[in-house]
Amino acid sequence: PADGFFEWKVTDHGKVPHRITMKDGDLFSFAGLWDEWLDKSTGEIIN
């Protein structure tokens, strides 16, 4: 889930951060991948 993301534009005066959103301002979602890692020494699971 997100309602905006940031990218940096290269200019003659340095990198200028920009925020990109939906025009209606509502939430949206990025496509993501996830994984589950098991610490065999402790049993802890990290997602």
All heavy atoms as atom14 arrays in JSON, in Angstrom:
{
  "sequence": "PADGFFEWKVTDHGKVPHRITMKDGDLFSFAGLWDEWLDKSTGEIIN",
  "atom14_mask": [
    [1, 1, 1, 1, 1, 1, 1, 0, 0, 0, 0, 0, 0, 0],
    [1, 1, 1, 1, 1, 0, 0, 0, 0, 0, 0, 0, 0, 0],
    [1, 1, 1, 1, 1, 1, 1, 1, 0, 0, 0, 0, 0, 0],
    [1, 1, 1, 1, 0, 0, 0, 0, 0, 0, 0, 0, 0, 0],
    [1, 1, 1, 1, 1, 1, 1, 1, 1, 1, 1, 0, 0, 0],
    [1, 1, 1, 1, 1, 1, 1, 1, 1, 1, 1, 0, 0, 0],
    [1, 1, 1, 1, 1, 1, 1, 1, 1, 0, 0, 0, 0, 0],
    [1, 1, 1, 1, 1, 1, 1, 1, 1, 1, 1, 1, 1, 1],
    [1, 1, 1, 1, 1, 1, 1, 1, 1, 0, 0, 0, 0, 0],
    [1, 1, 1, 1, 1, 1, 1, 0, 0, 0, 0, 0, 0, 0],
    [1, 1, 1, 1, 1, 1, 1, 0, 0, 0, 0, 0, 0, 0],
    [1, 1, 1, 1, 1, 1, 1, 1, 0, 0, 0, 0, 0, 0],
    [1, 1, 1, 1, 1, 1, 1, 1, 1, 1, 0, 0, 0, 0],
    [1, 1, 1, 1, 0, 0, 0, 0, 0, 0, 0, 0, 0, 0],
    [1, 1, 1, 1, 1, 1, 1, 1, 1, 0, 0, 0, 0, 0],
    [1, 1, 1, 1, 1, 1, 1, 0, 0, 0, 0, 0, 0, 0],
    [1, 1, 1, 1, 1, 1, 1, 0, 0, 0, 0, 0, 0, 0],
    [1, 1, 1, 1, 1, 1, 1, 1, 1, 1, 0, 0, 0, 0],
    [1, 1, 1, 1, 1, 1, 1, 1, 1, 1, 1, 0, 0, 0],
    [1, 1, 1, 1, 1, 1, 1, 1, 0, 0, 0, 0, 0, 0],
    [1, 1, 1, 1, 1, 1, 1, 0, 0, 0, 0, 0, 0, 0],
    [1, 1, 1, 1, 1, 1, 1, 1, 0, 0, 0, 0, 0, 0],
    [1, 1, 1, 1, 1, 1, 1, 1, 1, 0, 0, 0, 0, 0],
    [1, 1, 1, 1, 1, 1, 1, 1, 0, 0, 0, 0, 0, 0],
    [1, 1, 1, 1, 0, 0, 0, 0, 0, 0, 0, 0, 0, 0],
    [1, 1, 1, 1, 1, 1, 1, 1, 0, 0, 0, 0, 0, 0],
    [1, 1, 1, 1, 1, 1, 1, 1, 0, 0, 0, 0, 0, 0],
    [1, 1, 1, 1, 1, 1, 1, 1, 1, 1, 1, 0, 0, 0],
    [1, 1, 1, 1, 1, 1, 0, 0, 0, 0, 0, 0, 0, 0],
    [1, 1, 1, 1, 1, 1, 1, 1, 1, 1, 1, 0, 0, 0],
    [1, 1, 1, 1, 1, 0, 0, 0, 0, 0, 0, 0, 0, 0],
    [1, 1, 1, 1, 0, 0, 0, 0, 0, 0, 0, 0, 0, 0],
    [1, 1, 1, 1, 1, 1, 1, 1, 0, 0, 0, 0, 0, 0],
    [1, 1, 1, 1, 1, 1, 1, 1, 1, 1, 1, 1, 1, 1],
    [1, 1, 1, 1, 1, 1, 1, 1, 0, 0, 0, 0, 0, 0],
    [1, 1, 1, 1, 1, 1, 1, 1, 1, 0, 0, 0, 0, 0],
    [1, 1, 1, 1, 1, 1, 1, 1, 1, 1, 1, 1, 1, 1],
    [1, 1, 1, 1, 1, 1, 1, 1, 0, 0, 0, 0, 0, 0],
    [1, 1, 1, 1, 1, 1, 1, 1, 0, 0, 0, 0, 0, 0],
    [1, 1, 1, 1, 1, 1, 1, 1, 1, 0, 0, 0, 0, 0],
    [1, 1, 1, 1, 1, 1, 0, 0, 0, 0, 0, 0, 0, 0],
    [1, 1, 1, 1, 1, 1, 1, 0, 0, 0, 0, 0, 0, 0],
    [1, 1, 1, 1, 0, 0, 0, 0, 0, 0, 0, 0, 0, 0],
    [1, 1, 1, 1, 1, 1, 1, 1, 1, 0, 0, 0, 0, 0],
    [1, 1, 1, 1, 1, 1, 1, 1, 0, 0, 0, 0, 0, 0],
    [1, 1, 1, 1, 1, 1, 1, 1, 0, 0, 0, 0, 0, 0],
    [1, 1, 1, 1, 1, 1, 1, 1, 0, 0, 0, 0, 0, 0]
  ],
  "atom14_positions": [
    [[0.83, -1.21, 0.0], [0.0, 0.0, 0.0], [0.86, 1.26, 0.0], [1.9, 1.33, 0.66], [-0.81, -0.12, 1.3], [-0.74, -1.56, 1.68], [0.6, -2.03, 1.2], [0.0, 0.0, 0.0], [0.0, 0.0, 0.0], [0.0, 0.0, 0.0], [0.0, 0.0, 0.0], [0.0, 0.0, 0.0], [0.0, 0.0, 0.0], [0.0, 0.0, 0.0]],
    [[0.39, 2.28, -0.71], [1.09, 3.57, -0.77], [0.09, 4.64, -1.17], [-0.98, 4.35, -1.71], [2.25, 3.52, -1.75], [0.0, 0.0, 0.0], [0.0, 0.0, 0.0], [0.0, 0.0, 0.0], [0.0, 0.0, 0.0], [0.0, 0.0, 0.0], [0.0, 0.0, 0.0], [0.0, 0.0, 0.0], [0.0, 0.0, 0.0], [0.0, 0.0, 0.0]],
    [[0.45, 5.88, -0.9], [-0.35, 6.98, -1.45], [0.55, 7.96, -2.21], [0.09, 8.99, -2.67], [-1.14, 7.7, -0.35], [-0.25, 8.51, 0.57], [0.93, 8.14, 0.74], [-0.74, 9.51, 1.13], [0.0, 0.0, 0.0], [0.0, 0.0, 0.0], [0.0, 0.0, 0.0], [0.0, 0.0, 0.0], [0.0, 0.0, 0.0], [0.0, 0.0, 0.0]],
    [[1.82, 7.59, -2.36], [2.75, 8.39, -3.13], [4.13, 7.78, -3.08], [4.42, 6.96, -2.19], [0.0, 0.0, 0.0], [0.0, 0.0, 0.0], [0.0, 0.0, 0.0], [0.0, 0.0, 0.0], [0.0, 0.0, 0.0], [0.0, 0.0, 0.0], [0.0, 0.0, 0.0], [0.0, 0.0, 0.0], [0.0, 0.0, 0.0], [0.0, 0.0, 0.0]],
    [[4.98, 8.14, -4.04], [6.37, 7.7, -3.99], [7.27, 8.84, -4.45], [6.81, 9.81, -5.05], [6.6, 6.43, -4.82], [6.33, 6.57, -6.3], [7.37, 6.83, -7.19], [5.04, 6.4, -6.82], [7.13, 6.94, -8.56], [4.8, 6.51, -8.17], [5.84, 6.77, -9.05], [0.0, 0.0, 0.0], [0.0, 0.0, 0.0], [0.0, 0.0, 0.0]],
    [[8.55, 8.71, -4.14], [9.5, 9.79, -4.4], [10.54, 9.37, -5.43], [11.02, 8.24, -5.42], [10.22, 10.19, -3.11], [9.3, 10.66, -2.01], [8.84, 9.78, -1.05], [8.9, 11.99, -1.95], [8.0, 10.21, -0.03], [8.05, 12.43, -0.93], [7.6, 11.54, 0.02], [0.0, 0.0, 0.0], [0.0, 0.0, 0.0], [0.0, 0.0, 0.0]],
    [[10.87, 10.3, -6.31], [11.98, 10.12, -7.24], [12.78, 11.42, -7.28], [12.24, 12.5, -7.01], [11.49, 9.77, -8.65], [10.7, 8.48, -8.74], [11.52, 7.23, -8.46], [12.74, 7.35, -8.17], [10.95, 6.12, -8.49], [0.0, 0.0, 0.0], [0.0, 0.0, 0.0], [0.0, 0.0, 0.0], [0.0, 0.0, 0.0], [0.0, 0.0, 0.0]],
    [[14.05, 11.31, -7.63], [14.95, 12.47, -7.64], [15.31, 12.86, -9.07], [15.84, 12.04, -9.83], [16.21, 12.15, -6.84], [16.04, 12.26, -5.36], [16.55, 13.23, -4.56], [15.33, 11.37, -4.49], [16.19, 13.0, -3.25], [15.45, 11.87, -3.17], [14.6, 10.2, -4.7], [14.87, 11.25, -2.07], [14.01, 9.58, -3.62], [14.15, 10.09, -2.32]],
    [[15.06, 14.1, -9.42], [15.38, 14.6, -10.76], [16.73, 15.3, -10.75], [16.99, 16.17, -9.9], [14.3, 15.57, -11.23], [14.53, 16.11, -12.64], [13.38, 17.01, -13.07], [13.58, 17.49, -14.5], [12.44, 18.33, -14.96], [0.0, 0.0, 0.0], [0.0, 0.0, 0.0], [0.0, 0.0, 0.0], [0.0, 0.0, 0.0], [0.0, 0.0, 0.0]],
    [[17.58, 14.92, -11.68], [18.9, 15.54, -11.79], [18.76, 16.88, -12.49], [18.21, 16.96, -13.6], [19.87, 14.63, -12.56], [21.23, 15.33, -12.73], [20.05, 13.3, -11.84], [0.0, 0.0, 0.0], [0.0, 0.0, 0.0], [0.0, 0.0, 0.0], [0.0, 0.0, 0.0], [0.0, 0.0, 0.0], [0.0, 0.0, 0.0], [0.0, 0.0, 0.0]],
    [[19.24, 17.95, -11.85], [19.19, 19.29, -12.44], [20.57, 19.94, -12.31], [21.48, 19.4, -11.68], [18.16, 20.19, -11.72], [18.67, 20.55, -10.42], [16.83, 19.47, -11.55], [0.0, 0.0, 0.0], [0.0, 0.0, 0.0], [0.0, 0.0, 0.0], [0.0, 0.0, 0.0], [0.0, 0.0, 0.0], [0.0, 0.0, 0.0], [0.0, 0.0, 0.0]],
    [[20.7, 21.11, -12.9], [21.97, 21.85, -12.8], [22.26, 22.3, -11.38], [23.39, 22.65, -11.05], [21.93, 23.08, -13.72], [21.87, 22.7, -15.19], [22.3, 21.57, -15.52], [21.41, 23.52, -16.01], [0.0, 0.0, 0.0], [0.0, 0.0, 0.0], [0.0, 0.0, 0.0], [0.0, 0.0, 0.0], [0.0, 0.0, 0.0], [0.0, 0.0, 0.0]],
    [[21.23, 22.27, -10.55], [21.38, 22.72, -9.16], [21.37, 21.55, -8.18], [21.15, 21.73, -6.98], [20.26, 23.7, -8.81], [20.17, 24.88, -9.74], [21.1, 25.89, -9.74], [19.28, 25.16, -10.72], [20.78, 26.78, -10.68], [19.68, 26.36, -11.28], [0.0, 0.0, 0.0], [0.0, 0.0, 0.0], [0.0, 0.0, 0.0], [0.0, 0.0, 0.0]],
    [[21.58, 20.35, -8.69], [21.57, 19.17, -7.84], [20.31, 18.34, -8.05], [19.49, 18.63, -8.94], [0.0, 0.0, 0.0], [0.0, 0.0, 0.0], [0.0, 0.0, 0.0], [0.0, 0.0, 0.0], [0.0, 0.0, 0.0], [0.0, 0.0, 0.0], [0.0, 0.0, 0.0], [0.0, 0.0, 0.0], [0.0, 0.0, 0.0], [0.0, 0.0, 0.0]],
    [[20.15, 17.3, -7.24], [19.0, 16.41, -7.36], [17.82, 16.95, -6.57], [17.93, 17.23, -5.38], [19.36, 15.01, -6.88], [20.39, 14.34, -7.78], [20.68, 12.92, -7.34], [21.66, 12.27, -8.29], [21.97, 10.87, -7.89], [0.0, 0.0, 0.0], [0.0, 0.0, 0.0], [0.0, 0.0, 0.0], [0.0, 0.0, 0.0], [0.0, 0.0, 0.0]],
    [[16.69, 17.09, -7.27], [15.48, 17.65, -6.66], [14.46, 16.53, -6.45], [14.01, 15.91, -7.41], [14.87, 18.75, -7.55], [13.6, 19.29, -6.91], [15.88, 19.86, -7.79], [0.0, 0.0, 0.0], [0.0, 0.0, 0.0], [0.0, 0.0, 0.0], [0.0, 0.0, 0.0], [0.0, 0.0, 0.0], [0.0, 0.0, 0.0], [0.0, 0.0, 0.0]],
    [[14.09, 16.25, -5.2], [13.1, 15.2, -4.96], [11.7, 15.61, -5.41], [11.31, 16.77, -5.25], [13.16, 14.99, -3.45], [13.67, 16.28, -2.9], [14.59, 16.84, -3.95], [0.0, 0.0, 0.0], [0.0, 0.0, 0.0], [0.0, 0.0, 0.0], [0.0, 0.0, 0.0], [0.0, 0.0, 0.0], [0.0, 0.0, 0.0], [0.0, 0.0, 0.0]],
    [[10.98, 14.67, -5.99], [9.6, 14.88, -6.41], [8.73, 13.79, -5.8], [9.18, 12.65, -5.61], [9.45, 14.82, -7.93], [9.99, 16.01, -8.64], [11.33, 16.33, -8.67], [9.35, 16.98, -9.37], [11.51, 17.44, -9.38], [10.34, 17.84, -9.81], [0.0, 0.0, 0.0], [0.0, 0.0, 0.0], [0.0, 0.0, 0.0], [0.0, 0.0, 0.0]],
    [[7.51, 14.14, -5.5], [6.53, 13.16, -5.02], [5.52, 12.91, -6.11], [5.01, 13.86, -6.73], [5.83, 13.64, -3.75], [4.88, 12.61, -3.13], [4.44, 13.06, -1.74], [3.61, 12.06, -1.1], [2.3, 12.16, -0.89], [1.66, 13.27, -1.27], [1.62, 11.21, -0.29], [0.0, 0.0, 0.0], [0.0, 0.0, 0.0], [0.0, 0.0, 0.0]],
    [[5.22, 11.64, -6.36], [4.26, 11.25, -7.4], [3.08, 10.58, -6.72], [3.25, 9.65, -5.91], [4.91, 10.3, -8.42], [6.09, 11.0, -9.14], [3.89, 9.86, -9.45], [7.43, 10.72, -8.57], [0.0, 0.0, 0.0], [0.0, 0.0, 0.0], [0.0, 0.0, 0.0], [0.0, 0.0, 0.0], [0.0, 0.0, 0.0], [0.0, 0.0, 0.0]],
    [[1.87, 11.04, -7.03], [0.65, 10.52, -6.4], [-0.44, 10.33, -7.46], [-0.26, 10.67, -8.63], [0.11, 11.5, -5.34], [-0.39, 12.68, -6.01], [1.19, 11.9, -4.36], [0.0, 0.0, 0.0], [0.0, 0.0, 0.0], [0.0, 0.0, 0.0], [0.0, 0.0, 0.0], [0.0, 0.0, 0.0], [0.0, 0.0, 0.0], [0.0, 0.0, 0.0]],
    [[-1.57, 9.82, -7.03], [-2.75, 9.81, -7.87], [-3.41, 11.19, -7.82], [-3.34, 11.88, -6.78], [-3.75, 8.76, -7.39], [-3.25, 7.33, -7.55], [-2.94, 6.9, -9.27], [-1.78, 5.55, -9.05], [0.0, 0.0, 0.0], [0.0, 0.0, 0.0], [0.0, 0.0, 0.0], [0.0, 0.0, 0.0], [0.0, 0.0, 0.0], [0.0, 0.0, 0.0]],
    [[-4.04, 11.6, -8.89], [-4.7, 12.9, -8.92], [-5.79, 13.0, -7.88], [-6.04, 14.08, -7.33], [-5.27, 13.17, -10.32], [-4.21, 13.5, -11.35], [-4.84, 13.79, -12.7], [-3.79, 14.18, -13.73], [-4.4, 14.41, -15.08], [0.0, 0.0, 0.0], [0.0, 0.0, 0.0], [0.0, 0.0, 0.0], [0.0, 0.0, 0.0], [0.0, 0.0, 0.0]],
    [[-6.46, 11.87, -7.57], [-7.53, 11.91, -6.58], [-7.02, 11.77, -5.15], [-7.79, 11.83, -4.2], [-8.59, 10.84, -6.88], [-8.08, 9.41, -6.77], [-6.92, 9.22, -6.33], [-8.83, 8.48, -7.11], [0.0, 0.0, 0.0], [0.0, 0.0, 0.0], [0.0, 0.0, 0.0], [0.0, 0.0, 0.0], [0.0, 0.0, 0.0], [0.0, 0.0, 0.0]],
    [[-5.7, 11.57, -5.0], [-5.1, 11.5, -3.67], [-5.34, 10.21, -2.91], [-4.93, 10.07, -1.76], [0.0, 0.0, 0.0], [0.0, 0.0, 0.0], [0.0, 0.0, 0.0], [0.0, 0.0, 0.0], [0.0, 0.0, 0.0], [0.0, 0.0, 0.0], [0.0, 0.0, 0.0], [0.0, 0.0, 0.0], [0.0, 0.0, 0.0], [0.0, 0.0, 0.0]],
    [[-6.0, 9.23, -3.53], [-6.35, 8.0, -2.82], [-5.15, 7.04, -2.76], [-4.16, 7.2, -3.46], [-7.54, 7.32, -3.5], [-8.31, 6.43, -2.53], [-7.89, 6.26, -1.37], [-9.36, 5.88, -2.95], [0.0, 0.0, 0.0], [0.0, 0.0, 0.0], [0.0, 0.0, 0.0], [0.0, 0.0, 0.0], [0.0, 0.0, 0.0], [0.0, 0.0, 0.0]],
    [[-5.3, 6.05, -1.92], [-4.3, 5.01, -1.8], [-4.3, 4.11, -3.03], [-5.32, 3.97, -3.72], [-4.57, 4.16, -0.56], [-4.15, 4.81, 0.76], [-5.14, 4.49, 1.85], [-2.76, 4.35, 1.15], [0.0, 0.0, 0.0], [0.0, 0.0, 0.0], [0.0, 0.0, 0.0], [0.0, 0.0, 0.0], [0.0, 0.0, 0.0], [0.0, 0.0, 0.0]],
    [[-3.15, 3.49, -3.28], [-3.01, 2.53, -4.37], [-2.04, 1.46, -3.89], [-1.68, 1.43, -2.7], [-2.53, 3.21, -5.64], [-1.27, 4.03, -5.47], [-0.02, 3.45, -5.61], [-1.35, 5.38, -5.16], [1.14, 4.2, -5.45], [-0.19, 6.14, -4.99], [1.05, 5.55, -5.15], [0.0, 0.0, 0.0], [0.0, 0.0, 0.0], [0.0, 0.0, 0.0]],
    [[-1.6, 0.58, -4.76], [-0.65, -0.44, -4.32], [0.41, -0.7, -5.37], [0.16, -0.64, -6.57], [-1.37, -1.75, -3.99], [-1.93, -2.32, -5.14], [0.0, 0.0, 0.0], [0.0, 0.0, 0.0], [0.0, 0.0, 0.0], [0.0, 0.0, 0.0], [0.0, 0.0, 0.0], [0.0, 0.0, 0.0], [0.0, 0.0, 0.0], [0.0, 0.0, 0.0]],
    [[1.63, -1.0, -4.89], [2.7, -1.48, -5.74], [2.61, -3.0, -5.81], [2.18, -3.65, -4.85], [4.07, -1.12, -5.17], [4.29, 0.33, -4.9], [4.81, 0.75, -3.69], [4.01, 1.3, -5.86], [5.06, 2.09, -3.43], [4.24, 2.64, -5.62], [4.77, 3.04, -4.4], [0.0, 0.0, 0.0], [0.0, 0.0, 0.0], [0.0, 0.0, 0.0]],
    [[3.06, -3.56, -6.92], [3.21, -5.01, -7.0], [4.5, -5.39, -6.3], [5.56, -4.83, -6.57], [3.27, -5.45, -8.47], [0.0, 0.0, 0.0], [0.0, 0.0, 0.0], [0.0, 0.0, 0.0], [0.0, 0.0, 0.0], [0.0, 0.0, 0.0], [0.0, 0.0, 0.0], [0.0, 0.0, 0.0], [0.0, 0.0, 0.0], [0.0, 0.0, 0.0]],
    [[4.4, -6.33, -5.37], [5.57, -6.74, -4.61], [5.74, -8.25, -4.55], [4.82, -9.01, -4.87], [0.0, 0.0, 0.0], [0.0, 0.0, 0.0], [0.0, 0.0, 0.0], [0.0, 0.0, 0.0], [0.0, 0.0, 0.0], [0.0, 0.0, 0.0], [0.0, 0.0, 0.0], [0.0, 0.0, 0.0], [0.0, 0.0, 0.0], [0.0, 0.0, 0.0]],
    [[6.92, -8.67, -4.15], [7.24, -10.06, -3.89], [7.73, -10.16, -2.46], [8.39, -9.24, -1.96], [8.31, -10.57, -4.85], [7.98, -10.51, -6.35], [9.22, -10.87, -7.16], [6.83, -11.43, -6.7], [0.0, 0.0, 0.0], [0.0, 0.0, 0.0], [0.0, 0.0, 0.0], [0.0, 0.0, 0.0], [0.0, 0.0, 0.0], [0.0, 0.0, 0.0]],
    [[7.44, -11.27, -1.79], [7.87, -11.42, -0.42], [8.5, -12.8, -0.21], [8.34, -13.7, -1.03], [6.71, -11.22, 0.56], [5.61, -12.24, 0.48], [4.6, -12.31, -0.45], [5.4, -13.35, 1.36], [3.78, -13.38, -0.19], [4.26, -14.03, 0.91], [6.07, -13.82, 2.49], [3.76, -15.18, 1.56], [5.59, -14.95, 3.13], [4.44, -15.61, 2.66]],
    [[9.22, -12.93, 0.88], [9.79, -14.23, 1.21], [9.9, -14.35, 2.73], [9.8, -13.36, 3.46], [11.17, -14.41, 0.56], [11.46, -15.87, 0.25], [10.73, -16.76, 0.74], [12.43, -16.15, -0.49], [0.0, 0.0, 0.0], [0.0, 0.0, 0.0], [0.0, 0.0, 0.0], [0.0, 0.0, 0.0], [0.0, 0.0, 0.0], [0.0, 0.0, 0.0]],
    [[10.11, -15.59, 3.15], [10.18, -15.93, 4.57], [11.51, -16.6, 4.83], [11.85, -17.6, 4.2], [9.02, -16.86, 4.91], [8.9, -17.25, 6.36], [7.69, -18.15, 6.57], [6.6, -17.63, 6.81], [7.85, -19.38, 6.48], [0.0, 0.0, 0.0], [0.0, 0.0, 0.0], [0.0, 0.0, 0.0], [0.0, 0.0, 0.0], [0.0, 0.0, 0.0]],
    [[12.28, -16.02, 5.75], [13.6, -16.58, 6.08], [13.6, -17.09, 7.52], [13.14, -16.4, 8.43], [14.68, -15.51, 5.91], [16.07, -16.02, 6.13], [16.85, -16.71, 5.25], [16.84, -15.89, 7.33], [18.07, -17.01, 5.81], [18.09, -16.52, 7.1], [16.61, -15.31, 8.58], [19.09, -16.59, 8.07], [17.6, -15.37, 9.55], [18.83, -16.0, 9.29]],
    [[14.1, -18.3, 7.69], [14.13, -18.93, 9.02], [15.55, -18.93, 9.56], [16.48, -19.42, 8.9], [13.61, -20.37, 8.94], [13.76, -21.22, 10.2], [12.92, -20.66, 11.34], [13.41, -22.67, 9.91], [0.0, 0.0, 0.0], [0.0, 0.0, 0.0], [0.0, 0.0, 0.0], [0.0, 0.0, 0.0], [0.0, 0.0, 0.0], [0.0, 0.0, 0.0]],
    [[15.72, -18.36, 10.74], [16.99, -18.44, 11.44], [17.02, -19.78, 12.17], [16.34, -19.96, 13.19], [17.11, -17.28, 12.44], [18.49, -17.21, 13.08], [19.16, -18.26, 13.18], [18.89, -16.1, 13.49], [0.0, 0.0, 0.0], [0.0, 0.0, 0.0], [0.0, 0.0, 0.0], [0.0, 0.0, 0.0], [0.0, 0.0, 0.0], [0.0, 0.0, 0.0]],
    [[17.8, -20.72, 11.64], [17.81, -22.08, 12.19], [18.39, -22.15, 13.6], [18.12, -23.1, 14.34], [18.57, -23.0, 11.25], [17.9, -23.16, 9.89], [18.68, -24.08, 8.99], [18.0, -24.21, 7.62], [18.76, -25.09, 6.69], [0.0, 0.0, 0.0], [0.0, 0.0, 0.0], [0.0, 0.0, 0.0], [0.0, 0.0, 0.0], [0.0, 0.0, 0.0]],
    [[19.17, -21.15, 13.97], [19.78, -21.17, 15.29], [18.83, -20.7, 16.39], [18.96, -21.11, 17.55], [21.04, -20.3, 15.31], [20.72, -18.94, 15.07], [0.0, 0.0, 0.0], [0.0, 0.0, 0.0], [0.0, 0.0, 0.0], [0.0, 0.0, 0.0], [0.0, 0.0, 0.0], [0.0, 0.0, 0.0], [0.0, 0.0, 0.0], [0.0, 0.0, 0.0]],
    [[17.86, -19.87, 16.01], [16.94, -19.32, 17.02], [15.48, -19.65, 16.76], [14.65, -19.51, 17.66], [17.07, -17.78, 17.07], [16.61, -17.23, 15.82], [18.51, -17.35, 17.32], [0.0, 0.0, 0.0], [0.0, 0.0, 0.0], [0.0, 0.0, 0.0], [0.0, 0.0, 0.0], [0.0, 0.0, 0.0], [0.0, 0.0, 0.0], [0.0, 0.0, 0.0]],
    [[15.17, -20.06, 15.53], [13.78, -20.32, 15.18], [13.02, -19.07, 14.75], [11.83, -19.13, 14.42], [0.0, 0.0, 0.0], [0.0, 0.0, 0.0], [0.0, 0.0, 0.0], [0.0, 0.0, 0.0], [0.0, 0.0, 0.0], [0.0, 0.0, 0.0], [0.0, 0.0, 0.0], [0.0, 0.0, 0.0], [0.0, 0.0, 0.0], [0.0, 0.0, 0.0]],
    [[13.7, -17.92, 14.74], [13.06, -16.66, 14.35], [12.75, -16.66, 12.85], [13.56, -17.08, 12.03], [13.97, -15.47, 14.68], [13.37, -14.13, 14.27], [14.35, -12.98, 14.43], [15.56, -13.24, 14.64], [13.91, -11.82, 14.32], [0.0, 0.0, 0.0], [0.0, 0.0, 0.0], [0.0, 0.0, 0.0], [0.0, 0.0, 0.0], [0.0, 0.0, 0.0]],
    [[11.57, -16.17, 12.51], [11.18, -16.04, 11.1], [11.19, -14.56, 10.73], [10.6, -13.73, 11.43], [9.78, -16.63, 10.85], [9.82, -18.15, 11.05], [9.29, -16.29, 9.45], [8.46, -18.82, 10.93], [0.0, 0.0, 0.0], [0.0, 0.0, 0.0], [0.0, 0.0, 0.0], [0.0, 0.0, 0.0], [0.0, 0.0, 0.0], [0.0, 0.0, 0.0]],
    [[11.87, -14.22, 9.65], [11.93, -12.85, 9.16], [11.22, -12.78, 7.82], [11.6, -13.47, 6.87], [13.39, -12.37, 9.01], [14.11, -12.41, 10.37], [13.43, -10.96, 8.42], [15.57, -12.03, 10.3], [0.0, 0.0, 0.0], [0.0, 0.0, 0.0], [0.0, 0.0, 0.0], [0.0, 0.0, 0.0], [0.0, 0.0, 0.0], [0.0, 0.0, 0.0]],
    [[10.18, -11.95, 7.75], [9.44, -11.75, 6.5], [9.89, -10.44, 5.85], [9.94, -9.4, 6.51], [7.93, -11.69, 6.77], [7.38, -13.04, 7.18], [7.56, -14.03, 6.49], [6.71, -13.09, 8.32], [0.0, 0.0, 0.0], [0.0, 0.0, 0.0], [0.0, 0.0, 0.0], [0.0, 0.0, 0.0], [0.0, 0.0, 0.0], [0.0, 0.0, 0.0]]
  ]
}
